[in-house]
Amino acid sequence: MRKRFIGVAAGLGLGLALCVVQAAMAQEIRARGGSAVTLGARIQAQYEASSSDDTPSSFFIRRAWVTMDGRLNDLVSARAQFNIDGASVLEAYLELTPSDALQVQLGQFKKGMSYFWLVPNAWLPIIERDARVTGVDHCPGVGSVCSFGRLTGALGLDNYEPGILAQGRLGERFGYRFTLTNGEGIGNKDVNDGKSASGQLSVFPAGNTRVSAYFALDETLNMQGETMGVPAYGAEVEVGTWLDGPHLIANGLRGRNWKLNDDAKFSAFQLMAFWYLPFAPESRFAAIEPMLRVSWVDSGAENPDKVTGTVITPGVMVYFVGRNGISTNVDFYTSGERSDWSLKVQAFAFF
């Protein structure tokens, strides 16, 4: 236990040491052909410790990304985003924007059907969307812990894939987003003529309130190696917005846990609550944002192997300037008689 407290103290020490990180405005440079290129980067350093005695606490670089956004004119733009820590391409697409009602991307992008996965990690003070507890491999089919983020991520419902995307706003009240992708994951060519489809329809009834319905028909292989379309559908409600007081996002999702078997049907629910509290202008800190996540999942396993899991994540983010700061989360996972936890401290640096 003494070693665990030493590890926790070391993690907090990492955060304090990175307090001095300051944000600069993303740099815009002139490129050939008269286009403008905006260059930015993000680095997220993390400390993680868990209740698993077999897993040591660890410091590591969680993300090291470089993003280049180019704009030729009001109609044509493009993006290239690289994971320089893992030497891979995350996003790379050409974007056409004839109007607010239609925006088309062709290339590789995040297909996420739920806003929970579409919101940039620069804005989300939750450190790990899947609420993983290092050393725990418990959820049937998908492994790790049974959480909303683990099911959607591991089953390929929310990830990076090549394909085509169309989205837009129809007046003040309606919005949409549709994708058609290979279904084989990041950077992979398709292995057949099947494609994965996903979509989201949104209504904005008033102010900063959004109600969305989303669906997916994900191409994958069944237990016999045959191609099939795996359906999933859900709903999302958002009240409030980032950097402005209270903010709530609730998700519900039903789908097929095809990594377990062809008939397993999972259910998932998640509620996230944030409260952005700015400091006085003369303060050396910009703001503090307490948060809470509650996630519940039924993995789809039948008796006697039925598994449900609950994750409760309290946390707090301290902002020094812009989105630069330090977030601390504790993921508490319970399922039946078992109980696990994970402490995560992450320094966010964006420039």
Protein backbone atom coordinates (compact mmCIF):
# COMPACT_ATOMS: atom_id res chain seq x y z
CA MET A 1 0.00 0.00 0.00
CA ARG A 2 2.89 2.34 0.78
CA LYS A 3 4.20 1.82 -2.75
CA ARG A 4 0.77 2.63 -4.12
CA PHE A 5 0.67 5.96 -2.26
CA ILE A 6 4.19 6.74 -3.48
CA GLY A 7 2.97 6.08 -7.02
CA VAL A 8 -0.04 8.35 -6.54
CA ALA A 9 2.21 11.10 -5.22
CA ALA A 10 4.50 10.65 -8.19
CA GLY A 11 1.56 10.98 -10.56
CA LEU A 12 0.46 14.20 -8.94
CA GLY A 13 4.06 15.36 -9.12
CA LEU A 14 3.98 14.83 -12.87
CA GLY A 15 0.93 17.02 -13.11
CA LEU A 16 2.46 19.79 -11.03
CA ALA A 17 5.67 19.65 -13.03
CA LEU A 18 3.68 20.17 -16.22
CA CYS A 19 1.73 23.11 -14.85
CA VAL A 20 4.16 25.41 -16.64
CA VAL A 21 2.97 24.25 -20.07
CA GLN A 22 1.66 27.29 -21.88
CA ALA A 23 -0.49 27.33 -25.03
CA ALA A 24 0.46 29.28 -28.14
CA MET A 25 -1.97 30.04 -30.90
CA ALA A 26 -1.93 27.47 -33.71
CA GLN A 27 0.48 28.73 -36.34
CA GLU A 28 -0.79 29.65 -39.79
CA ILE A 29 1.65 29.57 -42.68
CA ARG A 30 1.30 30.25 -46.38
CA ALA A 31 1.55 27.24 -48.65
CA ARG A 32 2.03 26.88 -52.38
CA GLY A 33 -0.91 27.79 -54.57
CA GLY A 34 -1.95 30.54 -52.17
CA SER A 35 -3.57 28.19 -49.67
CA ALA A 36 -3.24 28.62 -45.91
CA VAL A 37 -2.03 25.85 -43.59
CA THR A 38 -2.64 25.83 -39.85
CA LEU A 39 -0.26 23.67 -37.85
CA GLY A 40 -1.03 22.45 -34.34
CA ALA A 41 -0.03 19.69 -31.93
CA ARG A 42 -1.13 17.99 -28.74
CA ILE A 43 0.85 16.11 -26.14
CA GLN A 44 -0.80 14.26 -23.27
CA ALA A 45 1.45 12.78 -20.58
CA GLN A 46 -0.21 10.32 -18.24
CA TYR A 47 0.31 8.51 -14.95
CA GLU A 48 -1.83 5.45 -14.25
CA ALA A 49 -2.17 3.11 -11.26
CA SER A 50 -4.75 0.40 -10.67
CA SER A 51 -6.00 -1.97 -7.99
CA SER A 52 -4.37 -4.90 -9.79
CA ASP A 53 -1.38 -6.08 -7.75
CA ASP A 54 0.13 -7.63 -10.88
CA THR A 55 0.20 -4.33 -12.79
CA PRO A 56 2.79 -1.70 -11.84
CA SER A 57 1.91 1.98 -11.88
CA SER A 58 3.32 3.72 -14.92
CA PHE A 59 4.18 7.04 -16.57
CA PHE A 60 3.77 7.22 -20.35
CA ILE A 61 2.95 9.48 -23.30
CA ARG A 62 -0.73 8.88 -24.01
CA ARG A 63 -0.87 11.02 -27.14
CA ALA A 64 1.60 12.91 -29.31
CA TRP A 65 -0.27 14.18 -32.35
CA VAL A 66 0.43 16.73 -35.07
CA THR A 67 -2.45 18.22 -37.04
CA MET A 68 -2.25 20.16 -40.30
CA ASP A 69 -5.39 21.89 -41.58
CA GLY A 70 -5.21 23.38 -45.06
CA ARG A 71 -7.68 25.69 -46.78
CA LEU A 72 -7.60 26.51 -50.48
CA ASN A 73 -10.80 28.58 -50.52
CA ASP A 74 -14.27 28.66 -48.93
CA LEU A 75 -15.21 25.46 -50.73
CA VAL A 76 -12.13 23.22 -50.45
CA SER A 77 -10.08 22.32 -47.38
CA ALA A 78 -8.21 19.28 -46.04
CA ARG A 79 -6.75 17.76 -42.89
CA ALA A 80 -3.84 15.47 -42.07
CA GLN A 81 -3.42 14.28 -38.48
CA PHE A 82 -0.53 12.08 -37.41
CA ASN A 83 0.15 10.06 -34.30
CA ILE A 84 3.89 10.75 -34.11
CA ASP A 85 4.25 8.58 -31.02
CA GLY A 86 2.98 5.52 -32.90
CA ALA A 87 3.94 6.66 -36.42
CA SER A 88 0.42 6.31 -37.89
CA VAL A 89 -2.12 8.43 -39.76
CA LEU A 90 -5.34 9.13 -37.84
CA GLU A 91 -7.20 11.55 -40.10
CA ALA A 92 -6.47 12.38 -43.73
CA TYR A 93 -9.27 13.74 -45.87
CA LEU A 94 -10.38 16.26 -48.48
CA GLU A 95 -13.34 18.36 -47.38
CA LEU A 96 -15.89 20.11 -49.59
CA THR A 97 -18.23 22.65 -47.96
CA PRO A 98 -20.69 24.07 -50.50
CA SER A 99 -22.99 25.28 -47.68
CA ASP A 100 -23.84 24.83 -44.00
CA ALA A 101 -26.36 22.22 -45.09
CA LEU A 102 -23.74 19.97 -46.70
CA GLN A 103 -20.17 19.15 -45.80
CA VAL A 104 -18.48 16.16 -47.45
CA GLN A 105 -15.26 14.46 -46.37
CA LEU A 106 -13.49 11.86 -48.48
CA GLY A 107 -10.59 10.00 -46.89
CA GLN A 108 -9.99 8.73 -43.36
CA PHE A 109 -11.88 10.22 -40.42
CA LYS A 110 -13.50 9.31 -37.13
CA LYS A 111 -16.78 7.69 -38.09
CA GLY A 112 -18.19 7.88 -34.54
CA MET A 113 -21.93 7.64 -34.49
CA SER A 114 -22.18 9.08 -30.95
CA TYR A 115 -20.97 12.53 -29.98
CA PHE A 116 -19.17 10.94 -27.03
CA TRP A 117 -16.53 9.66 -29.47
CA LEU A 118 -16.70 12.61 -31.86
CA VAL A 119 -15.91 15.30 -29.28
CA PRO A 120 -12.15 16.03 -29.51
CA ASN A 121 -10.05 14.84 -26.58
CA ALA A 122 -8.97 18.48 -26.27
CA TRP A 123 -12.43 19.20 -24.90
CA LEU A 124 -13.13 16.10 -22.84
CA PRO A 125 -11.74 16.04 -19.27
CA ILE A 126 -12.52 12.30 -19.06
CA ILE A 127 -9.07 10.76 -19.50
CA GLU A 128 -10.03 7.32 -20.87
CA ARG A 129 -13.33 6.97 -22.71
CA ASP A 130 -13.38 3.21 -22.19
CA ALA A 131 -12.75 3.57 -18.41
CA ARG A 132 -10.20 0.76 -18.55
CA VAL A 133 -8.61 -0.59 -15.39
CA THR A 134 -5.13 -1.83 -16.26
CA GLY A 135 -4.80 -5.53 -15.52
CA VAL A 136 -8.55 -6.22 -15.67
CA ASP A 137 -9.83 -8.40 -18.55
CA HIS A 138 -13.38 -9.10 -17.54
CA CYS A 139 -16.05 -8.12 -20.08
CA PRO A 140 -17.17 -11.07 -22.26
CA GLY A 141 -16.16 -10.76 -25.90
CA VAL A 142 -14.57 -7.30 -25.76
CA GLY A 143 -12.35 -7.73 -22.68
CA SER A 144 -11.31 -4.93 -20.29
CA VAL A 145 -14.22 -3.58 -18.20
CA CYS A 146 -17.86 -3.48 -19.24
CA SER A 147 -18.43 0.20 -20.05
CA PHE A 148 -20.22 2.23 -22.72
CA GLY A 149 -16.93 3.37 -24.26
CA ARG A 150 -15.42 -0.13 -24.24
CA LEU A 151 -18.37 -1.68 -26.09
CA THR A 152 -18.60 1.04 -28.77
CA GLY A 153 -14.83 1.19 -29.29
CA ALA A 154 -14.03 -2.53 -29.29
CA LEU A 155 -16.97 -3.41 -31.56
CA GLY A 156 -15.88 -0.86 -34.19
CA LEU A 157 -18.84 1.47 -33.81
CA ASP A 158 -16.69 4.52 -33.05
CA ASN A 159 -13.21 4.56 -34.60
CA TYR A 160 -11.11 5.89 -37.48
CA GLU A 161 -11.83 4.41 -40.91
CA PRO A 162 -11.47 5.36 -44.58
CA GLY A 163 -14.62 6.18 -46.50
CA ILE A 164 -16.99 9.06 -47.21
CA LEU A 165 -18.85 11.31 -44.76
CA ALA A 166 -21.71 13.78 -45.25
CA GLN A 167 -22.96 16.11 -42.53
CA GLY A 168 -24.64 19.47 -42.11
CA ARG A 169 -27.16 21.72 -40.36
CA LEU A 170 -30.63 22.20 -41.80
CA GLY A 171 -31.66 25.56 -40.43
CA GLU A 172 -31.53 26.20 -36.70
CA ARG A 173 -33.31 23.03 -35.55
CA PHE A 174 -31.97 20.02 -37.43
CA GLY A 175 -28.65 18.37 -38.19
CA TYR A 176 -27.38 15.11 -39.64
CA ARG A 177 -24.24 13.01 -40.09
CA PHE A 178 -23.83 9.90 -42.27
CA THR A 179 -20.78 7.75 -43.01
CA LEU A 180 -19.99 4.89 -45.38
CA THR A 181 -16.69 3.15 -44.58
CA ASN A 182 -14.76 -0.06 -45.21
CA GLY A 183 -15.48 -1.55 -41.81
CA GLU A 184 -11.93 -2.86 -41.45
CA GLY A 185 -10.51 -0.27 -39.08
CA ILE A 186 -7.86 2.41 -39.41
CA GLY A 187 -5.90 2.45 -42.67
CA ASN A 188 -7.09 -0.99 -43.80
CA LYS A 189 -8.35 -1.85 -47.28
CA ASP A 190 -11.69 -3.60 -47.55
CA VAL A 191 -11.68 -7.37 -47.93
CA ASN A 192 -15.05 -7.57 -49.75
CA ASP A 193 -17.72 -5.38 -51.34
CA GLY A 194 -19.59 -4.86 -48.05
CA LYS A 195 -19.50 -1.46 -46.34
CA SER A 196 -20.27 -0.20 -42.85
CA ALA A 197 -22.86 2.55 -42.52
CA SER A 198 -23.63 4.84 -39.61
CA GLY A 199 -25.75 7.90 -39.10
CA GLN A 200 -26.97 10.48 -36.63
CA LEU A 201 -30.03 12.72 -36.81
CA SER A 202 -30.21 15.64 -34.38
CA VAL A 203 -32.84 18.08 -33.23
CA PHE A 204 -31.96 21.34 -31.42
CA PRO A 205 -35.21 22.26 -29.64
CA ALA A 206 -33.87 25.29 -27.75
CA GLY A 207 -30.65 27.02 -26.81
CA ASN A 208 -27.83 24.61 -26.01
CA THR A 209 -30.03 21.52 -26.03
CA ARG A 210 -29.62 18.68 -28.52
CA VAL A 211 -31.50 15.39 -28.93
CA SER A 212 -30.00 12.82 -31.31
CA ALA A 213 -30.86 9.37 -32.59
CA TYR A 214 -28.08 7.29 -34.11
CA PHE A 215 -27.62 3.94 -35.78
CA ALA A 216 -25.00 1.71 -37.35
CA LEU A 217 -24.95 -1.28 -39.65
CA ASP A 218 -21.40 -2.49 -39.18
CA GLU A 219 -19.83 -4.94 -41.59
CA THR A 220 -18.03 -7.78 -39.86
CA LEU A 221 -17.54 -11.55 -39.96
CA ASN A 222 -19.73 -13.94 -37.99
CA MET A 223 -18.50 -16.95 -36.08
CA GLN A 224 -18.55 -18.99 -39.31
CA GLY A 225 -16.41 -16.45 -41.16
CA GLU A 226 -19.32 -15.08 -43.20
CA THR A 227 -19.87 -11.35 -43.81
CA MET A 228 -22.85 -9.89 -41.98
CA GLY A 229 -24.23 -6.49 -41.08
CA VAL A 230 -24.33 -5.94 -37.32
CA PRO A 231 -27.01 -3.42 -36.25
CA ALA A 232 -26.78 -0.96 -33.37
CA TYR A 233 -29.03 1.95 -32.44
CA GLY A 234 -29.18 4.52 -29.70
CA ALA A 235 -30.09 7.99 -28.51
CA GLU A 236 -28.25 10.91 -26.97
CA VAL A 237 -29.29 14.03 -25.09
CA GLU A 238 -27.00 17.01 -24.48
CA VAL A 239 -27.81 20.05 -22.37
CA GLY A 240 -25.28 22.88 -22.11
CA THR A 241 -21.96 23.36 -23.83
CA TRP A 242 -18.22 23.32 -23.15
CA LEU A 243 -16.53 26.13 -21.22
CA ASP A 244 -19.84 27.53 -20.01
CA GLY A 245 -21.23 26.34 -16.69
CA PRO A 246 -23.13 23.05 -16.27
CA HIS A 247 -23.08 20.49 -19.09
CA LEU A 248 -24.85 17.11 -19.30
CA ILE A 249 -24.56 14.34 -21.92
CA ALA A 250 -26.58 11.11 -21.67
CA ASN A 251 -26.34 8.09 -24.01
CA GLY A 252 -28.32 4.90 -24.44
CA LEU A 253 -27.31 2.14 -26.88
CA ARG A 254 -28.43 -1.33 -27.97
CA GLY A 255 -26.45 -3.58 -30.28
CA ARG A 256 -24.92 -6.96 -30.90
CA ASN A 257 -21.80 -8.10 -29.06
CA TRP A 258 -20.53 -9.99 -32.11
CA LYS A 259 -17.14 -10.58 -30.50
CA LEU A 260 -18.91 -12.81 -27.98
CA ASN A 261 -21.27 -14.61 -30.38
CA ASP A 262 -23.70 -13.90 -33.20
CA ASP A 263 -26.75 -13.71 -30.93
CA ALA A 264 -25.44 -11.73 -27.93
CA LYS A 265 -27.26 -8.41 -27.63
CA PHE A 266 -25.74 -5.76 -25.35
CA SER A 267 -27.30 -2.72 -23.71
CA ALA A 268 -25.36 0.31 -22.52
CA PHE A 269 -26.12 3.57 -20.75
CA GLN A 270 -23.90 6.49 -19.82
CA LEU A 271 -24.36 9.85 -18.12
CA MET A 272 -21.66 12.52 -17.98
CA ALA A 273 -21.91 15.75 -15.99
CA PHE A 274 -19.45 18.67 -16.09
CA TRP A 275 -19.39 22.11 -14.51
CA TYR A 276 -16.94 24.66 -15.90
CA LEU A 277 -16.11 27.29 -13.25
CA PRO A 278 -13.84 30.13 -14.43
CA PHE A 279 -11.51 31.88 -12.00
CA ALA A 280 -11.21 35.63 -11.64
CA PRO A 281 -9.27 37.33 -14.49
CA GLU A 282 -6.34 38.13 -12.18
CA SER A 283 -5.92 34.47 -11.18
CA ARG A 284 -2.99 32.41 -12.46
CA PHE A 285 -5.48 29.66 -13.34
CA ALA A 286 -8.17 29.85 -16.01
CA ALA A 287 -10.84 27.54 -14.58
CA ILE A 288 -11.68 24.37 -12.74
CA GLU A 289 -14.11 21.73 -14.03
CA PRO A 290 -15.41 18.97 -11.72
CA MET A 291 -16.99 16.03 -13.55
CA LEU A 292 -18.77 12.73 -13.01
CA ARG A 293 -19.39 9.79 -15.31
CA VAL A 294 -21.77 6.90 -14.63
CA SER A 295 -21.77 4.00 -17.12
CA TRP A 296 -23.77 0.74 -17.01
CA VAL A 297 -23.53 -2.17 -19.44
CA ASP A 298 -25.20 -5.54 -19.93
CA SER A 299 -22.65 -7.39 -22.08
CA GLY A 300 -25.21 -9.68 -23.72
CA ALA A 301 -23.88 -12.89 -22.17
CA GLU A 302 -26.63 -15.29 -21.13
CA ASN A 303 -26.96 -17.18 -17.85
CA PRO A 304 -24.91 -18.58 -16.20
CA ASP A 305 -22.30 -16.29 -17.78
CA LYS A 306 -24.39 -13.10 -17.64
CA VAL A 307 -22.19 -10.09 -16.89
CA THR A 308 -23.20 -6.51 -16.13
CA GLY A 309 -20.78 -3.79 -15.20
CA THR A 310 -20.96 -0.32 -13.67
CA VAL A 311 -18.31 2.39 -13.88
CA ILE A 312 -18.38 5.53 -11.72
CA THR A 313 -15.75 8.13 -12.54
CA PRO A 314 -15.39 11.25 -10.40
CA GLY A 315 -12.75 13.70 -11.55
CA VAL A 316 -11.58 17.27 -11.85
CA MET A 317 -9.78 19.28 -14.51
CA VAL A 318 -7.73 22.39 -13.70
CA TYR A 319 -7.10 24.71 -16.65
CA PHE A 320 -4.09 27.00 -16.73
CA VAL A 321 -4.66 28.64 -20.10
CA GLY A 322 -7.05 27.63 -22.88
CA ARG A 323 -7.43 23.83 -22.88
CA ASN A 324 -4.04 23.29 -21.26
CA GLY A 325 -4.18 21.81 -17.79
CA ILE A 326 -4.24 18.72 -15.61
CA SER A 327 -7.07 16.23 -15.22
CA THR A 328 -7.43 13.62 -12.48
CA ASN A 329 -9.92 10.73 -12.77
CA VAL A 330 -10.63 7.70 -10.62
CA ASP A 331 -12.52 4.92 -12.46
CA PHE A 332 -14.39 2.65 -10.03
CA TYR A 333 -15.61 -0.58 -11.67
CA THR A 334 -18.03 -3.02 -10.07
CA SER A 335 -19.58 -6.21 -11.42
CA GLY A 336 -21.23 -8.73 -9.14
CA GLU A 337 -18.82 -9.46 -6.31
CA ARG A 338 -15.79 -7.89 -7.93
CA SER A 339 -14.58 -4.32 -7.49
CA ASP A 340 -11.65 -2.62 -9.23
CA TRP A 341 -10.33 0.92 -9.54
CA SER A 342 -7.87 2.95 -11.59
CA LEU A 343 -6.29 6.32 -10.84
CA LYS A 344 -5.34 8.41 -13.87
CA VAL A 345 -3.58 11.78 -13.94
CA GLN A 346 -3.03 13.43 -17.31
CA ALA A 347 -1.38 16.68 -18.36
CA PHE A 348 -3.00 18.22 -21.45
CA ALA A 349 -0.82 20.41 -23.68
CA PHE A 350 -2.19 21.92 -26.89
CA PHE A 351 -0.33 24.38 -29.09
